[in-house]
Structures are given as C-alpha cells and as structure tokens.
Amino acid sequence: MSAVSSMDVSSSSVFFYPRLFPLHDLNTAEEGLPIQIRCSIEKIQDHGVYLMENGIYLFMYIGLAADPNWVSVCMIEAVKQKRSI
C-alpha cells in the first residue's frame, strides 16, 4: 500500500485501471504494443490469452479454451529467447 501512496497520477491511474493486452490476436507484422482493451470480464474470452499490467506487476491470463499449440509455441519461444541472452 505504501507504493500507491507515493505514485503520481498517471501511475496510480494504471494501478487502479490496469492495461489489458490480448496476446492471442497479435499481428506479427506490426511492431509495438498490441491494442489495449478495457480490463473487464466482458472483454475476456475463454479462448484468449491476455497480459495485464498495473505498473507494478504483470499477470498472464490463459483462458481454459485457449489453443494449446499457440500457448506451447509461445512459451517455448520465450524460453529459447531467454536462454540466448
């Protein structure tokens, strides 16, 4: 709670209204961040994979109906990239 009391307005706004990025709809041809969606249960789909960021923590939500092949490829690539650093 002490982190919140020392945040500026823009940081506290992100903390209370986190950013949600749908990762399952990524276009690999585009660079930069994916389109941000409103962080609400109505926007989350069972087949989706989402990254939520609140200025302090990152959370990954993997829906129950998410494509297991997509998830495994995504995680394997992340491990490969981490090992090559």
N, C-alpha and C. Protein backbone atom coordinates (compact mmCIF):
# COMPACT_ATOMS: atom_id res chain seq x y z
N MET A 1 0.82 -1.20 0.00
CA MET A 1 0.00 0.00 0.00
C MET A 1 0.86 1.26 0.00
N SER A 2 2.08 1.15 0.52
CA SER A 2 2.95 2.33 0.53
C SER A 2 3.35 2.74 -0.88
N ALA A 3 3.40 1.78 -1.81
CA ALA A 3 3.73 2.11 -3.20
C ALA A 3 2.66 2.99 -3.82
N VAL A 4 1.42 2.74 -3.48
CA VAL A 4 0.31 3.53 -4.04
C VAL A 4 0.35 4.96 -3.53
N SER A 5 0.68 5.14 -2.28
CA SER A 5 0.69 6.49 -1.72
C SER A 5 1.79 7.37 -2.29
N SER A 6 2.83 6.76 -2.87
CA SER A 6 3.91 7.56 -3.45
C SER A 6 3.85 7.66 -4.97
N MET A 7 2.77 7.14 -5.59
CA MET A 7 2.64 7.19 -7.05
C MET A 7 2.14 8.55 -7.52
N ASP A 8 2.56 8.92 -8.73
CA ASP A 8 1.98 10.11 -9.35
C ASP A 8 0.62 9.73 -9.95
N VAL A 9 -0.07 10.70 -10.52
CA VAL A 9 -1.44 10.49 -11.00
C VAL A 9 -1.49 9.45 -12.13
N SER A 10 -0.59 9.55 -13.10
CA SER A 10 -0.64 8.61 -14.22
C SER A 10 -0.33 7.18 -13.77
N SER A 11 0.60 7.00 -12.85
CA SER A 11 0.92 5.67 -12.34
C SER A 11 -0.22 5.10 -11.51
N SER A 12 -0.84 5.92 -10.69
CA SER A 12 -1.96 5.42 -9.88
C SER A 12 -3.16 5.10 -10.75
N SER A 13 -3.33 5.81 -11.84
CA SER A 13 -4.42 5.51 -12.77
C SER A 13 -4.24 4.13 -13.38
N VAL A 14 -3.02 3.80 -13.78
CA VAL A 14 -2.73 2.48 -14.34
C VAL A 14 -2.87 1.40 -13.26
N PHE A 15 -2.53 1.73 -12.02
CA PHE A 15 -2.63 0.75 -10.94
C PHE A 15 -4.09 0.38 -10.68
N PHE A 16 -4.99 1.36 -10.67
CA PHE A 16 -6.39 1.09 -10.38
C PHE A 16 -7.19 0.68 -11.62
N TYR A 17 -6.72 1.06 -12.80
CA TYR A 17 -7.35 0.67 -14.07
C TYR A 17 -6.27 0.03 -14.95
N PRO A 18 -5.93 -1.24 -14.68
CA PRO A 18 -4.80 -1.87 -15.37
C PRO A 18 -4.99 -1.98 -16.88
N ARG A 19 -3.87 -2.07 -17.56
CA ARG A 19 -3.87 -2.25 -19.02
C ARG A 19 -3.99 -3.74 -19.33
N LEU A 20 -4.84 -4.06 -20.29
CA LEU A 20 -5.05 -5.45 -20.68
C LEU A 20 -4.79 -5.57 -22.18
N PHE A 21 -3.86 -6.46 -22.52
CA PHE A 21 -3.47 -6.65 -23.92
C PHE A 21 -3.83 -8.06 -24.35
N PRO A 22 -4.63 -8.22 -25.39
CA PRO A 22 -4.92 -9.56 -25.90
C PRO A 22 -3.73 -10.08 -26.71
N LEU A 23 -3.13 -11.16 -26.27
CA LEU A 23 -1.96 -11.71 -26.96
C LEU A 23 -2.35 -12.69 -28.05
N HIS A 24 -3.53 -13.27 -27.97
CA HIS A 24 -3.94 -14.27 -28.96
C HIS A 24 -4.29 -13.63 -30.30
N ASP A 25 -4.47 -12.33 -30.34
CA ASP A 25 -4.79 -11.61 -31.58
C ASP A 25 -3.60 -10.84 -32.14
N LEU A 26 -2.39 -11.17 -31.72
CA LEU A 26 -1.22 -10.42 -32.16
C LEU A 26 -1.00 -10.57 -33.65
N ASN A 27 -0.64 -9.47 -34.27
CA ASN A 27 -0.24 -9.46 -35.67
C ASN A 27 1.28 -9.36 -35.69
N THR A 28 1.94 -10.40 -36.14
CA THR A 28 3.40 -10.42 -36.10
C THR A 28 4.03 -9.43 -37.07
N ALA A 29 3.27 -8.94 -38.03
CA ALA A 29 3.81 -7.98 -38.99
C ALA A 29 3.93 -6.58 -38.38
N GLU A 30 3.15 -6.31 -37.35
CA GLU A 30 3.17 -4.99 -36.72
C GLU A 30 4.18 -4.97 -35.58
N GLU A 31 4.78 -3.81 -35.38
CA GLU A 31 5.70 -3.63 -34.27
C GLU A 31 5.03 -2.81 -33.19
N GLY A 32 5.54 -2.89 -31.98
CA GLY A 32 5.00 -2.13 -30.87
C GLY A 32 4.01 -2.95 -30.06
N LEU A 33 3.34 -2.27 -29.16
CA LEU A 33 2.38 -2.92 -28.28
C LEU A 33 1.10 -3.27 -29.01
N PRO A 34 0.45 -4.36 -28.62
CA PRO A 34 -0.86 -4.67 -29.21
C PRO A 34 -1.91 -3.67 -28.72
N ILE A 35 -3.06 -3.69 -29.35
CA ILE A 35 -4.15 -2.80 -28.98
C ILE A 35 -4.61 -3.13 -27.57
N GLN A 36 -4.71 -2.12 -26.74
CA GLN A 36 -5.15 -2.28 -25.36
C GLN A 36 -6.67 -2.34 -25.32
N ILE A 37 -7.23 -3.23 -24.49
CA ILE A 37 -8.68 -3.29 -24.31
C ILE A 37 -9.01 -2.97 -22.86
N ARG A 38 -10.26 -2.62 -22.64
CA ARG A 38 -10.72 -2.30 -21.29
C ARG A 38 -10.65 -3.54 -20.41
N CYS A 39 -10.15 -3.39 -19.23
CA CYS A 39 -9.96 -4.52 -18.31
C CYS A 39 -11.28 -4.80 -17.59
N SER A 40 -12.10 -5.65 -18.21
CA SER A 40 -13.36 -6.06 -17.59
C SER A 40 -13.67 -7.49 -18.02
N ILE A 41 -14.47 -8.16 -17.24
CA ILE A 41 -14.77 -9.56 -17.51
C ILE A 41 -15.53 -9.73 -18.83
N GLU A 42 -16.24 -8.71 -19.26
CA GLU A 42 -16.98 -8.80 -20.52
C GLU A 42 -16.06 -8.86 -21.72
N LYS A 43 -14.85 -8.34 -21.60
CA LYS A 43 -13.90 -8.30 -22.72
C LYS A 43 -13.05 -9.57 -22.82
N ILE A 44 -13.02 -10.37 -21.75
CA ILE A 44 -12.18 -11.56 -21.73
C ILE A 44 -12.93 -12.74 -22.32
N GLN A 45 -12.28 -13.43 -23.27
CA GLN A 45 -12.88 -14.58 -23.94
C GLN A 45 -12.22 -15.86 -23.43
N ASP A 46 -12.97 -16.95 -23.45
CA ASP A 46 -12.45 -18.23 -22.95
C ASP A 46 -11.27 -18.74 -23.77
N HIS A 47 -11.22 -18.40 -25.04
CA HIS A 47 -10.12 -18.88 -25.89
C HIS A 47 -8.95 -17.91 -25.95
N GLY A 48 -9.00 -16.86 -25.16
CA GLY A 48 -7.98 -15.81 -25.24
C GLY A 48 -6.82 -15.99 -24.29
N VAL A 49 -5.75 -15.28 -24.60
CA VAL A 49 -4.57 -15.18 -23.75
C VAL A 49 -4.31 -13.69 -23.60
N TYR A 50 -4.20 -13.23 -22.36
CA TYR A 50 -4.12 -11.80 -22.08
C TYR A 50 -2.95 -11.49 -21.17
N LEU A 51 -2.38 -10.32 -21.34
CA LEU A 51 -1.34 -9.81 -20.47
C LEU A 51 -1.90 -8.57 -19.79
N MET A 52 -1.92 -8.59 -18.45
CA MET A 52 -2.42 -7.44 -17.69
C MET A 52 -1.25 -6.80 -16.95
N GLU A 53 -1.17 -5.49 -17.04
CA GLU A 53 -0.07 -4.74 -16.44
C GLU A 53 -0.67 -3.61 -15.62
N ASN A 54 -0.23 -3.49 -14.35
CA ASN A 54 -0.77 -2.44 -13.50
C ASN A 54 0.30 -1.48 -13.00
N GLY A 55 1.45 -1.45 -13.64
CA GLY A 55 2.51 -0.55 -13.22
C GLY A 55 3.47 -1.16 -12.23
N ILE A 56 3.05 -2.22 -11.56
CA ILE A 56 3.91 -2.91 -10.59
C ILE A 56 4.11 -4.36 -10.98
N TYR A 57 3.03 -5.03 -11.36
CA TYR A 57 3.07 -6.45 -11.69
C TYR A 57 2.56 -6.71 -13.10
N LEU A 58 3.00 -7.83 -13.66
CA LEU A 58 2.47 -8.35 -14.92
C LEU A 58 1.77 -9.68 -14.61
N PHE A 59 0.59 -9.85 -15.15
CA PHE A 59 -0.16 -11.09 -14.99
C PHE A 59 -0.51 -11.61 -16.37
N MET A 60 -0.39 -12.92 -16.56
CA MET A 60 -0.81 -13.54 -17.80
C MET A 60 -2.02 -14.41 -17.51
N TYR A 61 -3.11 -14.17 -18.25
CA TYR A 61 -4.31 -14.98 -18.12
C TYR A 61 -4.43 -15.85 -19.36
N ILE A 62 -4.49 -17.15 -19.16
CA ILE A 62 -4.66 -18.09 -20.26
C ILE A 62 -6.02 -18.74 -20.07
N GLY A 63 -6.93 -18.47 -21.01
CA GLY A 63 -8.28 -19.00 -20.93
C GLY A 63 -8.32 -20.51 -21.04
N LEU A 64 -9.36 -21.10 -20.49
CA LEU A 64 -9.49 -22.56 -20.49
C LEU A 64 -9.57 -23.13 -21.90
N ALA A 65 -10.13 -22.38 -22.85
CA ALA A 65 -10.28 -22.87 -24.21
C ALA A 65 -9.20 -22.33 -25.14
N ALA A 66 -8.10 -21.80 -24.57
CA ALA A 66 -7.01 -21.28 -25.39
C ALA A 66 -6.36 -22.43 -26.17
N ASP A 67 -5.92 -22.13 -27.37
CA ASP A 67 -5.29 -23.13 -28.23
C ASP A 67 -4.00 -23.62 -27.58
N PRO A 68 -3.93 -24.91 -27.21
CA PRO A 68 -2.72 -25.41 -26.54
C PRO A 68 -1.48 -25.32 -27.41
N ASN A 69 -1.63 -25.43 -28.72
CA ASN A 69 -0.47 -25.30 -29.61
C ASN A 69 0.09 -23.89 -29.57
N TRP A 70 -0.79 -22.88 -29.57
CA TRP A 70 -0.35 -21.49 -29.52
C TRP A 70 0.38 -21.23 -28.21
N VAL A 71 -0.17 -21.72 -27.12
CA VAL A 71 0.43 -21.49 -25.81
C VAL A 71 1.80 -22.17 -25.73
N SER A 72 1.90 -23.41 -26.20
CA SER A 72 3.19 -24.11 -26.12
C SER A 72 4.24 -23.44 -27.00
N VAL A 73 3.87 -23.03 -28.20
CA VAL A 73 4.82 -22.33 -29.08
C VAL A 73 5.25 -21.02 -28.45
N CYS A 74 4.33 -20.30 -27.88
CA CYS A 74 4.64 -19.01 -27.25
C CYS A 74 5.60 -19.20 -26.08
N MET A 75 5.33 -20.17 -25.23
CA MET A 75 6.18 -20.41 -24.06
C MET A 75 7.55 -20.96 -24.47
N ILE A 76 7.61 -21.82 -25.46
CA ILE A 76 8.88 -22.37 -25.91
C ILE A 76 9.76 -21.28 -26.50
N GLU A 77 9.16 -20.39 -27.30
CA GLU A 77 9.93 -19.28 -27.88
C GLU A 77 10.46 -18.36 -26.79
N ALA A 78 9.66 -18.12 -25.76
CA ALA A 78 10.10 -17.26 -24.66
C ALA A 78 11.28 -17.88 -23.93
N VAL A 79 11.25 -19.18 -23.71
CA VAL A 79 12.37 -19.86 -23.03
C VAL A 79 13.61 -19.84 -23.92
N LYS A 80 13.45 -20.06 -25.22
CA LYS A 80 14.60 -20.02 -26.14
C LYS A 80 15.25 -18.66 -26.16
N GLN A 81 14.42 -17.61 -26.19
CA GLN A 81 14.97 -16.25 -26.21
C GLN A 81 15.68 -15.93 -24.91
N LYS A 82 15.14 -16.40 -23.80
CA LYS A 82 15.77 -16.14 -22.52
C LYS A 82 17.12 -16.83 -22.42
N ARG A 83 17.21 -18.04 -22.95
CA ARG A 83 18.47 -18.79 -22.90
C ARG A 83 19.52 -18.19 -23.82
N SER A 84 19.10 -17.53 -24.89
CA SER A 84 20.09 -16.96 -25.82
C SER A 84 20.66 -15.64 -25.34
N ILE A 85 20.13 -15.10 -24.28
CA ILE A 85 20.62 -13.80 -23.76
C ILE A 85 21.94 -13.97 -23.07
